Amino acid sequence: MNSFDRSTSTTTGMWRVVFYERRGYRIHMDRTGPWLPSKSQAQHWANWFGQLGYHVALQDQMGGMERLSPGLP
């Protein structure tokens, strides 16, 4: 199981937006945003970047990932 397959249901703790892209046959985490104090704030920023065409996911402070962009980059 890779980190994109794990879904986190916790809403507490620190969250950040992770940007990813496809490189050949692999998905590469390209950049990460700053840690934010709530999931809702991170969700807001991820939605904004998603509307601009970026492939994004949310990462919690324990390393769990939630992919938000549909499909693969």
C-alpha atoms as a PDB file:
ATOM      1  CA  MET A   1       0.000   0.000   0.000  1.00  0.00           C
ATOM      2  CA  ASN A   2       1.485   3.347  -0.967  1.00  0.00           C
ATOM      3  CA  SER A   3       0.905   6.587   0.894  1.00  0.00           C
ATOM      4  CA  PHE A   4      -1.698   7.859  -1.615  1.00  0.00           C
ATOM      5  CA  ASP A   5      -3.939   4.853  -0.898  1.00  0.00           C
ATOM      6  CA  ARG A   6      -4.222   5.587   2.802  1.00  0.00           C
ATOM      7  CA  SER A   7      -7.120   7.816   3.712  1.00  0.00           C
ATOM      8  CA  THR A   8      -7.100   9.783   6.918  1.00  0.00           C
ATOM      9  CA  SER A   9     -10.306  10.585   8.698  1.00  0.00           C
ATOM     10  CA  THR A  10      -8.829  12.739  11.454  1.00  0.00           C
ATOM     11  CA  THR A  11      -9.570  16.453  11.267  1.00  0.00           C
ATOM     12  CA  THR A  12      -7.297  17.590  14.093  1.00  0.00           C
ATOM     13  CA  GLY A  13      -3.606  18.358  13.931  1.00  0.00           C
ATOM     14  CA  MET A  14      -1.462  20.003  11.290  1.00  0.00           C
ATOM     15  CA  TRP A  15      -2.127  19.605   7.549  1.00  0.00           C
ATOM     16  CA  ARG A  16      -0.408  20.715   4.352  1.00  0.00           C
ATOM     17  CA  VAL A  17      -0.987  20.687   0.618  1.00  0.00           C
ATOM     18  CA  VAL A  18       1.248  18.361  -1.405  1.00  0.00           C
ATOM     19  CA  PHE A  19       1.748  18.872  -5.142  1.00  0.00           C
ATOM     20  CA  TYR A  20       2.498  15.849  -7.297  1.00  0.00           C
ATOM     21  CA  GLU A  21       3.244  15.075 -10.933  1.00  0.00           C
ATOM     22  CA  ARG A  22       3.878  12.077 -13.143  1.00  0.00           C
ATOM     23  CA  ARG A  23       7.461  11.358 -14.171  1.00  0.00           C
ATOM     24  CA  GLY A  24       7.543   8.407 -16.517  1.00  0.00           C
ATOM     25  CA  TYR A  25       5.726   5.565 -14.775  1.00  0.00           C
ATOM     26  CA  ARG A  26       6.030   7.067 -11.299  1.00  0.00           C
ATOM     27  CA  ILE A  27       4.130   9.694  -9.389  1.00  0.00           C
ATOM     28  CA  HIS A  28       6.538  12.166  -7.831  1.00  0.00           C
ATOM     29  CA  MET A  29       5.715  14.491  -4.918  1.00  0.00           C
ATOM     30  CA  ASP A  30       7.025  17.715  -6.350  1.00  0.00           C
ATOM     31  CA  ARG A  31       6.517  20.304  -3.597  1.00  0.00           C
ATOM     32  CA  THR A  32       4.769  20.773  -0.312  1.00  0.00           C
ATOM     33  CA  GLY A  33       3.084  23.801   1.167  1.00  0.00           C
ATOM     34  CA  PRO A  34       3.494  25.089   4.710  1.00  0.00           C
ATOM     35  CA  TRP A  35       1.872  23.304   7.630  1.00  0.00           C
ATOM     36  CA  LEU A  36      -1.570  24.693   8.413  1.00  0.00           C
ATOM     37  CA  PRO A  37      -3.396  24.429  11.755  1.00  0.00           C
ATOM     38  CA  SER A  38      -6.586  22.830  10.385  1.00  0.00           C
ATOM     39  CA  LYS A  39      -7.722  20.446   7.686  1.00  0.00           C
ATOM     40  CA  SER A  40     -10.330  22.933   6.475  1.00  0.00           C
ATOM     41  CA  GLN A  41      -7.656  25.552   5.769  1.00  0.00           C
ATOM     42  CA  ALA A  42      -5.534  23.025   3.898  1.00  0.00           C
ATOM     43  CA  GLN A  43      -8.630  21.845   1.996  1.00  0.00           C
ATOM     44  CA  HIS A  44      -9.377  25.437   0.986  1.00  0.00           C
ATOM     45  CA  TRP A  45      -5.865  25.951  -0.427  1.00  0.00           C
ATOM     46  CA  ALA A  46      -5.864  22.540  -2.113  1.00  0.00           C
ATOM     47  CA  ASN A  47      -9.164  23.347  -3.842  1.00  0.00           C
ATOM     48  CA  TRP A  48      -7.787  26.666  -5.032  1.00  0.00           C
ATOM     49  CA  PHE A  49      -4.629  25.095  -6.453  1.00  0.00           C
ATOM     50  CA  GLY A  50      -6.708  22.289  -7.987  1.00  0.00           C
ATOM     51  CA  GLN A  51      -8.798  24.868  -9.847  1.00  0.00           C
ATOM     52  CA  LEU A  52      -5.562  26.265 -11.268  1.00  0.00           C
ATOM     53  CA  GLY A  53      -4.744  22.834 -12.711  1.00  0.00           C
ATOM     54  CA  TYR A  54      -2.332  21.452 -10.122  1.00  0.00           C
ATOM     55  CA  HIS A  55      -2.587  17.847  -8.925  1.00  0.00           C
ATOM     56  CA  VAL A  56      -2.793  18.030  -5.155  1.00  0.00           C
ATOM     57  CA  ALA A  57      -3.218  15.926  -2.044  1.00  0.00           C
ATOM     58  CA  LEU A  58      -3.509  16.672   1.664  1.00  0.00           C
ATOM     59  CA  GLN A  59      -0.962  15.339   4.129  1.00  0.00           C
ATOM     60  CA  ASP A  60      -1.531  15.153   7.862  1.00  0.00           C
ATOM     61  CA  GLN A  61       1.218  15.474  10.453  1.00  0.00           C
ATOM     62  CA  MET A  62       1.413  11.672  10.803  1.00  0.00           C
ATOM     63  CA  GLY A  63       2.234  11.281   7.086  1.00  0.00           C
ATOM     64  CA  GLY A  64      -1.177  10.081   5.884  1.00  0.00           C
ATOM     65  CA  MET A  65      -2.217  11.311   2.448  1.00  0.00           C
ATOM     66  CA  GLU A  66      -5.600  12.137   0.919  1.00  0.00           C
ATOM     67  CA  ARG A  67      -5.542  12.551  -2.840  1.00  0.00           C
ATOM     68  CA  LEU A  68      -7.912  15.285  -3.971  1.00  0.00           C
ATOM     69  CA  SER A  69      -7.254  15.466  -7.712  1.00  0.00           C
ATOM     70  CA  PRO A  70      -9.179  12.898  -9.761  1.00  0.00           C
ATOM     71  CA  GLY A  71      -7.142  10.550 -11.932  1.00  0.00           C
ATOM     72  CA  LEU A  72      -3.405  10.498 -12.353  1.00  0.00           C
ATOM     73  CA  PRO A  73      -1.326  13.506 -13.348  1.00  0.00           C
END
